[in-house]
């Protein structure tokens, strides 16, 4: 066999995350739910502002509520996971989200939008801690970084597919097209529910107890709390601004169409799908908080590229530049996904895994709430100030992550390294 073929085969085998079949089933749940989320979230402000006539500030607050209800539902669901098991909590979350999304085309008044956003947000907010708990419970500690990297691939693939669907179907010239998008989003949760029914009720195999720890026990860890504050900033800039605020900025400032926006999200998604697993493999043995600082640097650079693309270019050329920014953002997402979930799982006592993941979800949802809520108003006041300020803020958060490195337990500081075949190399990043 030619050496090139042997090398290619060896490289492909190295990318195998070596995960059990049950984890792949959980990844299918992540994929399906992300398709629905991606098809509506980037276009929710456009729908409410351009189709229903709500002000930009009100539309941004509705989008913030859609993402922000996880602030309440995530920790509650995390506690339910510890007490009742994962399957009931996940099924309930899926039903809430599907019912609310299917009702969104009926919105005519702001209060209706807020009510449905609250229900849908509560549903989606409960999905993340259950799925994250499942992955941690079903995966050996030394393979968790690969499992969470695969989750990022699943989520981004789903979000990108959904974003492309939304961009191709929805248009403000045909308001009824948004009805189709919301129904597609609700329908995408059906296969997720079917996959959930095939999962065991408590895959960790632990006996369920009425008292499996309390959140006050979780809050006694100052390192975890500081990490969650840093993560909130990371999510607000690295995820929320790109997903929710960027489409409005690109359309209003540079004339980027909905279909072009769909292609931007597709570029971001394809990059992550291709790069995530090889990068997770390369980062084995690296200092985790050094990797998080690298993610922050990517998001700071990406924010400035978005600003330049929107202010200095128009239409297709602006879409190309912002698409490049989406790829830079994607590098940050890949770095972040390799570290944050496994790190929190390693810090969690087994009997409180659901609560720790609930707190992680809380930080995600806070970031996804603060991003659109503040971003919408700052965008109306000063687009330049919004993106430049975001770059500065996330850079400071990256430095804050570095200061936590020595405070972590020894076993949690470094991404575990799997045995390597000859010729493979890892990447070591600074602490």
Protein backbone atom coordinates (compact mmCIF):
# COMPACT_ATOMS: atom_id res chain seq x y z
CA UNK A 1 0.00 0.00 0.00
CA UNK A 2 1.45 3.42 -0.90
CA UNK A 3 2.88 5.42 2.00
CA UNK A 4 0.44 8.26 1.33
CA UNK A 5 -2.53 5.91 1.77
CA UNK A 6 -1.03 4.43 4.93
CA UNK A 7 -0.47 7.91 6.35
CA UNK A 8 -4.02 8.96 5.48
CA UNK A 9 -5.45 5.80 7.08
CA UNK A 10 -3.39 6.36 10.23
CA UNK A 11 -4.59 9.96 10.42
CA UNK A 12 -8.25 8.96 10.09
CA UNK A 13 -7.89 6.33 12.81
CA UNK A 14 -6.33 8.95 15.08
CA UNK A 15 -9.47 11.07 14.71
CA UNK A 16 -11.72 8.27 15.99
CA UNK A 17 -12.99 9.62 19.34
CA UNK A 18 -13.34 6.02 20.61
CA UNK A 19 -16.70 6.57 22.26
CA UNK A 20 -19.45 4.04 23.13
CA UNK A 21 -22.56 3.77 20.98
CA UNK A 22 -24.72 5.32 23.68
CA UNK A 23 -22.70 8.54 23.45
CA UNK A 24 -23.29 8.67 19.71
CA UNK A 25 -27.03 8.38 20.41
CA UNK A 26 -26.78 11.37 22.76
CA UNK A 27 -24.97 13.27 20.01
CA UNK A 28 -27.95 12.69 17.72
CA UNK A 29 -30.12 14.46 20.30
CA UNK A 30 -27.70 17.41 20.27
CA UNK A 31 -27.77 17.50 16.47
CA UNK A 32 -31.57 17.48 16.17
CA UNK A 33 -32.17 20.12 18.84
CA UNK A 34 -29.48 22.36 17.36
CA UNK A 35 -31.14 22.25 13.92
CA UNK A 36 -34.29 23.75 15.40
CA UNK A 37 -32.41 26.31 17.47
CA UNK A 38 -30.25 27.38 14.54
CA UNK A 39 -33.18 27.81 12.20
CA UNK A 40 -34.94 30.38 14.40
CA UNK A 41 -32.44 32.10 16.72
CA UNK A 42 -30.45 34.06 14.10
CA UNK A 43 -33.66 35.31 12.47
CA UNK A 44 -35.80 35.90 15.55
CA UNK A 45 -34.95 39.60 15.82
CA UNK A 46 -35.46 40.08 12.08
CA UNK A 47 -38.87 38.34 12.32
CA UNK A 48 -40.05 40.39 15.28
CA UNK A 49 -38.66 43.70 14.01
CA UNK A 50 -39.27 43.54 10.24
CA UNK A 51 -42.35 41.29 10.11
CA UNK A 52 -44.22 42.01 13.34
CA UNK A 53 -43.11 45.65 13.63
CA UNK A 54 -41.61 45.52 17.12
CA UNK A 55 -38.87 48.00 17.96
CA UNK A 56 -35.28 46.79 17.73
CA UNK A 57 -34.88 47.05 21.50
CA UNK A 58 -38.03 44.99 22.20
CA UNK A 59 -37.08 42.37 19.60
CA UNK A 60 -33.63 42.08 21.18
CA UNK A 61 -35.18 41.58 24.61
CA UNK A 62 -37.42 38.80 23.30
CA UNK A 63 -34.37 37.06 21.81
CA UNK A 64 -32.58 37.56 25.11
CA UNK A 65 -35.47 35.93 26.97
CA UNK A 66 -35.44 33.01 24.52
CA UNK A 67 -31.83 32.32 25.44
CA UNK A 68 -32.02 33.59 29.00
CA UNK A 69 -34.74 31.37 30.44
CA UNK A 70 -32.04 28.77 30.88
CA UNK A 71 -30.89 30.93 33.79
CA UNK A 72 -33.83 29.46 35.70
CA UNK A 73 -34.52 26.19 33.91
CA UNK A 74 -30.91 24.99 33.61
CA UNK A 75 -30.18 24.76 37.36
CA UNK A 76 -33.66 23.35 38.05
CA UNK A 77 -33.16 20.68 35.40
CA UNK A 78 -29.69 19.93 36.78
CA UNK A 79 -31.22 19.19 40.19
CA UNK A 80 -33.89 16.99 38.55
CA UNK A 81 -31.18 15.03 36.77
CA UNK A 82 -29.50 14.27 40.11
CA UNK A 83 -32.78 13.22 41.70
CA UNK A 84 -34.89 11.63 38.96
CA UNK A 85 -32.52 10.72 36.14
CA UNK A 86 -31.87 12.21 32.74
CA UNK A 87 -34.63 10.86 30.50
CA UNK A 88 -37.69 12.47 32.18
CA UNK A 89 -35.89 15.82 32.43
CA UNK A 90 -34.83 15.74 28.78
CA UNK A 91 -38.24 14.68 27.43
CA UNK A 92 -40.00 17.42 29.38
CA UNK A 93 -37.60 20.01 28.04
CA UNK A 94 -38.13 18.88 24.44
CA UNK A 95 -41.93 19.06 24.76
CA UNK A 96 -41.83 22.61 26.15
CA UNK A 97 -39.56 23.85 23.38
CA UNK A 98 -41.54 22.20 20.57
CA UNK A 99 -44.91 23.53 21.75
CA UNK A 100 -43.67 27.11 22.04
CA UNK A 101 -41.85 27.15 18.69
CA UNK A 102 -44.92 25.82 16.88
CA UNK A 103 -46.95 28.69 18.37
CA UNK A 104 -44.56 31.51 17.45
CA UNK A 105 -46.21 32.28 14.07
CA UNK A 106 -49.32 33.34 16.06
CA UNK A 107 -47.48 36.25 17.70
CA UNK A 108 -49.02 39.66 17.09
CA UNK A 109 -48.26 41.55 20.31
CA UNK A 110 -45.01 41.87 22.28
CA UNK A 111 -46.46 40.14 25.36
CA UNK A 112 -47.22 37.06 23.27
CA UNK A 113 -43.65 36.96 22.00
CA UNK A 114 -42.29 37.29 25.53
CA UNK A 115 -44.55 34.50 26.82
CA UNK A 116 -43.62 32.04 24.08
CA UNK A 117 -39.93 32.96 24.32
CA UNK A 118 -40.07 32.17 28.03
CA UNK A 119 -41.56 28.71 27.42
CA UNK A 120 -39.25 27.87 24.52
CA UNK A 121 -36.25 29.19 26.45
CA UNK A 122 -37.16 27.07 29.47
CA UNK A 123 -37.28 24.01 27.24
CA UNK A 124 -33.99 24.67 25.48
CA UNK A 125 -32.39 25.68 28.78
CA UNK A 126 -33.16 22.25 30.19
CA UNK A 127 -31.66 20.37 27.25
CA UNK A 128 -28.04 21.40 27.80
CA UNK A 129 -27.52 20.16 31.40
CA UNK A 130 -29.22 16.84 30.67
CA UNK A 131 -27.18 16.19 27.53
CA UNK A 132 -23.95 17.32 29.23
CA UNK A 133 -24.67 15.08 32.21
CA UNK A 134 -25.34 12.15 29.89
CA UNK A 135 -22.04 12.64 28.11
CA UNK A 136 -20.09 12.83 31.37
CA UNK A 137 -21.86 9.78 32.82
CA UNK A 138 -21.43 7.62 29.71
CA UNK A 139 -17.80 8.53 28.97
CA UNK A 140 -14.58 7.59 30.76
CA UNK A 141 -12.77 10.65 32.17
CA UNK A 142 -9.84 10.27 29.78
CA UNK A 143 -12.19 10.44 26.77
CA UNK A 144 -14.46 13.26 27.91
CA UNK A 145 -12.59 15.92 25.96
CA UNK A 146 -13.25 13.92 22.78
CA UNK A 147 -16.92 13.43 23.71
CA UNK A 148 -17.48 17.12 24.36
CA UNK A 149 -15.58 18.01 21.20
CA UNK A 150 -17.93 15.73 19.30
CA UNK A 151 -20.85 17.46 21.01
CA UNK A 152 -19.58 20.78 19.67
CA UNK A 153 -19.43 19.21 16.21
CA UNK A 154 -23.01 17.98 16.60
CA UNK A 155 -24.30 21.30 17.91
CA UNK A 156 -22.52 23.35 15.26
CA UNK A 157 -23.52 21.02 12.46
CA UNK A 158 -27.12 21.27 13.61
CA UNK A 159 -26.97 25.03 14.16
CA UNK A 160 -25.36 25.54 10.75
CA UNK A 161 -27.91 23.34 8.99
CA UNK A 162 -30.69 25.17 10.80
CA UNK A 163 -29.18 28.55 10.01
CA UNK A 164 -28.92 27.63 6.34
CA UNK A 165 -32.52 26.39 6.30
CA UNK A 166 -33.73 29.57 7.97
CA UNK A 167 -31.73 31.76 5.60
CA UNK A 168 -33.02 29.97 2.50
CA UNK A 169 -36.67 29.79 3.61
CA UNK A 170 -37.27 33.00 5.56
CA UNK A 171 -37.60 36.33 3.81
CA UNK A 172 -39.23 39.53 4.98
CA UNK A 173 -40.87 39.86 1.54
CA UNK A 174 -42.97 36.78 2.39
CA UNK A 175 -43.93 36.92 6.09
CA UNK A 176 -45.51 33.46 5.84
CA UNK A 177 -42.07 32.00 5.22
CA UNK A 178 -41.24 32.53 8.89
CA UNK A 179 -44.19 30.27 9.79
CA UNK A 180 -42.51 27.47 7.86
CA UNK A 181 -39.24 28.10 9.69
CA UNK A 182 -40.85 27.87 13.13
CA UNK A 183 -42.68 24.66 12.21
CA UNK A 184 -39.45 23.14 10.92
CA UNK A 185 -37.79 24.07 14.21
CA UNK A 186 -40.57 22.45 16.25
CA UNK A 187 -40.55 19.34 14.05
CA UNK A 188 -36.80 18.87 14.47
CA UNK A 189 -37.35 18.05 18.15
CA UNK A 190 -39.38 14.91 17.32
CA UNK A 191 -36.37 12.74 16.36
CA UNK A 192 -34.60 14.04 19.46
CA UNK A 193 -37.49 12.79 21.60
CA UNK A 194 -37.41 9.38 19.86
CA UNK A 195 -33.67 9.05 20.51
CA UNK A 196 -34.21 10.06 24.15
CA UNK A 197 -36.70 7.23 24.64
CA UNK A 198 -33.93 4.77 23.70
CA UNK A 199 -31.68 6.03 26.51
CA UNK A 200 -31.64 4.49 29.99
CA UNK A 201 -33.29 6.52 32.72
CA UNK A 202 -30.10 6.80 34.76
CA UNK A 203 -27.08 5.87 32.59
CA UNK A 204 -24.60 6.56 35.36
CA UNK A 205 -25.93 3.49 37.15
CA UNK A 206 -26.15 5.37 40.45
CA UNK A 207 -28.97 4.79 42.89
CA UNK A 208 -31.33 7.73 43.02
CA UNK A 209 -31.76 9.46 46.37
CA UNK A 210 -34.06 12.15 47.64
CA UNK A 211 -31.02 14.19 48.69
CA UNK A 212 -28.05 14.17 46.31
CA UNK A 213 -26.41 17.42 47.36
CA UNK A 214 -27.56 21.00 47.16
CA UNK A 215 -26.57 24.02 45.14
CA UNK A 216 -25.11 25.65 48.22
CA UNK A 217 -22.55 22.84 48.18
CA UNK A 218 -21.68 23.71 44.59
CA UNK A 219 -21.40 27.42 45.40
CA UNK A 220 -18.73 26.77 48.02
CA UNK A 221 -16.12 26.41 45.28
CA UNK A 222 -14.66 29.91 44.55
CA UNK A 223 -12.65 28.55 41.62
CA UNK A 224 -15.78 27.17 39.97
CA UNK A 225 -17.65 30.43 40.52
CA UNK A 226 -14.86 32.51 38.99
CA UNK A 227 -14.66 30.11 36.07
CA UNK A 228 -18.39 30.52 35.49
CA UNK A 229 -18.08 34.32 35.48
CA UNK A 230 -15.33 34.10 32.87
CA UNK A 231 -17.39 31.63 30.86
CA UNK A 232 -20.38 33.98 30.88
CA UNK A 233 -18.27 36.64 29.16
CA UNK A 234 -16.91 34.07 26.71
CA UNK A 235 -20.41 32.99 25.71
CA UNK A 236 -21.77 36.55 25.48
CA UNK A 237 -19.07 37.54 22.99
CA UNK A 238 -18.03 34.25 21.41
CA UNK A 239 -21.50 32.81 20.80
CA UNK A 240 -24.37 35.26 21.38
CA UNK A 241 -23.10 38.26 19.42
CA UNK A 242 -22.33 36.16 16.36
CA UNK A 243 -25.58 34.19 16.48
CA UNK A 244 -28.08 36.93 17.35
CA UNK A 245 -26.63 40.44 16.94
CA UNK A 246 -24.36 39.95 13.93
CA UNK A 247 -27.25 39.16 11.50
CA UNK A 248 -29.00 42.43 12.38
CA UNK A 249 -25.73 44.39 12.13
CA UNK A 250 -24.78 42.81 8.80
CA UNK A 251 -28.23 43.34 7.27
CA UNK A 252 -28.70 46.88 8.53
CA UNK A 253 -25.17 48.27 8.13
CA UNK A 254 -23.93 46.40 5.05
CA UNK A 255 -26.99 45.13 3.17
CA UNK A 256 -26.21 41.45 3.72
CA UNK A 257 -29.28 39.40 2.73
CA UNK A 258 -30.85 36.54 4.67
CA UNK A 259 -29.48 33.96 2.21
CA UNK A 260 -25.97 35.42 2.58
CA UNK A 261 -26.36 35.18 6.35
CA UNK A 262 -27.22 31.52 5.95
CA UNK A 263 -24.00 30.99 4.01
CA UNK A 264 -22.00 32.78 6.73
CA UNK A 265 -23.36 30.39 9.35
CA UNK A 266 -22.69 27.47 7.01
CA UNK A 267 -19.03 28.52 6.67
CA UNK A 268 -18.70 28.75 10.45
CA UNK A 269 -20.32 25.35 10.86
CA UNK A 270 -18.33 23.51 8.20
CA UNK A 271 -15.10 24.83 9.63
CA UNK A 272 -15.98 23.61 13.13
CA UNK A 273 -17.17 20.23 11.88
CA UNK A 274 -13.89 19.70 10.01
CA UNK A 275 -11.49 21.12 12.59
CA UNK A 276 -13.02 20.28 15.99
CA UNK A 277 -11.99 16.64 16.41
CA UNK A 278 -8.45 17.00 14.98
CA UNK A 279 -7.91 20.06 17.17
CA UNK A 280 -9.21 18.24 20.27
CA UNK A 281 -6.75 15.45 19.51
CA UNK A 282 -3.89 17.93 19.04
CA UNK A 283 -4.69 19.67 22.33
CA UNK A 284 -4.27 16.52 24.42
CA UNK A 285 -1.69 17.23 27.09
CA UNK A 286 -2.21 21.02 26.91
CA UNK A 287 -2.99 23.32 29.83
CA UNK A 288 -6.73 23.85 29.78
CA UNK A 289 -6.87 27.48 30.85
CA UNK A 290 -4.17 28.40 28.34
CA UNK A 291 -6.48 26.99 25.67
CA UNK A 292 -9.36 29.10 27.00
CA UNK A 293 -7.19 32.21 26.77
CA UNK A 294 -6.49 31.30 23.14
CA UNK A 295 -10.23 31.09 22.51
CA UNK A 296 -10.68 34.58 23.96
CA UNK A 297 -8.01 35.94 21.64
CA UNK A 298 -9.81 34.47 18.62
CA UNK A 299 -13.11 36.06 19.63
CA UNK A 300 -11.47 39.46 20.16
CA UNK A 301 -9.96 39.33 16.68
CA UNK A 302 -13.20 38.06 15.16
CA UNK A 303 -15.19 40.92 16.69
CA UNK A 304 -12.94 43.48 15.04
CA UNK A 305 -13.18 41.68 11.68
CA UNK A 306 -17.00 41.75 11.90
CA UNK A 307 -16.85 45.48 12.60
CA UNK A 308 -14.57 46.09 9.61
CA UNK A 309 -16.70 43.96 7.31
CA UNK A 310 -19.87 45.81 8.23
CA UNK A 311 -18.46 49.33 8.07
CA UNK A 312 -16.11 49.17 5.08
CA UNK A 313 -17.84 46.74 2.70
CA UNK A 314 -21.30 46.14 1.30
CA UNK A 315 -23.52 43.20 0.31
CA UNK A 316 -21.58 40.20 -1.03
CA UNK A 317 -18.11 41.53 -0.12
CA UNK A 318 -19.28 42.32 3.40
CA UNK A 319 -20.65 38.78 3.66
CA UNK A 320 -17.26 37.36 2.63
CA UNK A 321 -15.39 39.40 5.27
CA UNK A 322 -17.91 38.56 7.98
CA UNK A 323 -17.72 34.93 6.86
CA UNK A 324 -13.97 35.04 7.55
CA UNK A 325 -14.78 36.46 10.97
CA UNK A 326 -17.16 33.53 11.46
CA UNK A 327 -14.27 31.13 10.86
CA UNK A 328 -12.07 32.99 13.37
CA UNK A 329 -14.94 32.76 15.84
CA UNK A 330 -15.12 29.05 15.00
CA UNK A 331 -11.50 28.50 16.05
CA UNK A 332 -12.38 30.03 19.42
CA UNK A 333 -15.44 27.79 19.71
CA UNK A 334 -13.35 24.68 19.00
CA UNK A 335 -10.81 25.62 21.67
CA UNK A 336 -13.54 26.44 24.17
CA UNK A 337 -15.53 23.24 23.55
CA UNK A 338 -12.49 21.04 24.07
CA UNK A 339 -11.98 22.44 27.57
CA UNK A 340 -15.04 23.80 29.37
CA UNK A 341 -17.31 20.74 29.62
CA UNK A 342 -14.61 18.22 30.60
CA UNK A 343 -13.14 20.72 33.08
CA UNK A 344 -16.44 21.18 34.92
CA UNK A 345 -17.08 17.41 34.83
CA UNK A 346 -13.66 16.78 36.40
CA UNK A 347 -14.41 19.30 39.15
CA UNK A 348 -17.82 17.75 39.95
CA UNK A 349 -18.39 15.08 42.62
CA UNK A 350 -20.25 12.19 40.92
CA UNK A 351 -23.41 12.63 43.02
CA UNK A 352 -23.70 16.30 42.01
CA UNK A 353 -22.80 16.07 38.33
CA UNK A 354 -26.23 17.33 37.25
CA UNK A 355 -25.96 20.41 39.45
CA UNK A 356 -22.48 21.24 38.22
CA UNK A 357 -23.71 20.96 34.65
CA UNK A 358 -26.72 23.05 35.64
CA UNK A 359 -24.37 25.79 36.82
CA UNK A 360 -22.40 25.52 33.58
CA UNK A 361 -25.67 25.89 31.70
CA UNK A 362 -26.47 28.92 33.86
CA UNK A 363 -23.26 30.61 32.72
CA UNK A 364 -24.04 29.78 29.10
CA UNK A 365 -27.55 31.15 29.37
CA UNK A 366 -26.42 34.28 31.18
CA UNK A 367 -24.00 34.93 28.34
CA UNK A 368 -26.62 34.21 25.71
CA UNK A 369 -28.97 36.62 27.52
CA UNK A 370 -26.56 39.46 28.18
CA UNK A 371 -25.23 39.35 24.61
CA UNK A 372 -28.52 40.05 22.77
CA UNK A 373 -30.02 42.23 25.53
CA UNK A 374 -27.11 44.66 25.76
CA UNK A 375 -25.98 44.11 22.19
CA UNK A 376 -29.28 45.21 20.70
CA UNK A 377 -29.25 48.54 22.48
CA UNK A 378 -25.53 49.14 21.87
CA UNK A 379 -26.01 48.32 18.20
CA UNK A 380 -28.67 51.01 17.93
CA UNK A 381 -26.44 53.52 19.72
CA UNK A 382 -22.98 52.73 18.29
CA UNK A 383 -22.07 49.70 16.14
CA UNK A 384 -18.40 50.60 16.47
CA UNK A 385 -18.63 50.78 20.25
CA UNK A 386 -20.44 47.43 20.39
CA UNK A 387 -17.82 45.38 18.53
CA UNK A 388 -14.75 47.20 19.84
CA UNK A 389 -16.07 46.94 23.39
CA UNK A 390 -16.81 43.25 22.94
CA UNK A 391 -13.23 42.62 21.74
CA UNK A 392 -11.77 44.39 24.77
CA UNK A 393 -14.08 42.64 27.22
CA UNK A 394 -13.38 39.11 26.01
CA UNK A 395 -9.63 39.79 25.96
CA UNK A 396 -9.78 40.78 29.65
CA UNK A 397 -11.80 37.61 30.40
CA UNK A 398 -9.10 35.54 28.70
CA UNK A 399 -6.48 37.02 31.00
CA UNK A 400 -8.80 36.26 33.92
CA UNK A 401 -8.90 32.60 32.87
CA UNK A 402 -5.11 32.38 33.00
CA UNK A 403 -5.06 33.56 36.61
CA UNK A 404 -7.14 30.53 37.65
CA UNK A 405 -4.77 27.88 36.37
CA UNK A 406 -2.82 27.29 39.57
CA UNK A 407 -6.03 27.23 41.63
CA UNK A 408 -7.35 24.14 39.84
CA UNK A 409 -6.84 20.64 41.26
CA UNK A 410 -3.85 18.97 39.66
CA UNK A 411 -5.95 16.36 37.81
CA UNK A 412 -8.11 19.08 36.19
CA UNK A 413 -5.37 21.35 34.84
CA UNK A 414 -4.46 19.40 31.72
CA UNK A 415 -6.43 17.70 28.97
CA UNK A 416 -5.71 13.95 29.24
CA UNK A 417 -3.54 12.53 26.48
CA UNK A 418 -4.48 9.25 24.80
CA UNK A 419 -1.76 6.90 23.50
CA UNK A 420 -0.44 8.15 20.17
CA UNK A 421 0.66 6.37 17.07
CA UNK A 422 4.16 7.09 15.72
CA UNK A 423 4.40 10.47 14.07
CA UNK A 424 1.55 12.12 15.95
CA UNK A 425 2.24 15.33 17.84
CA UNK A 426 0.37 17.23 20.50
CA UNK A 427 0.12 20.94 21.07
CA UNK A 428 1.25 22.43 24.36
CA UNK A 429 -0.16 25.83 25.23
CA UNK A 430 0.96 28.09 28.06
CA UNK A 431 -0.66 27.81 31.46
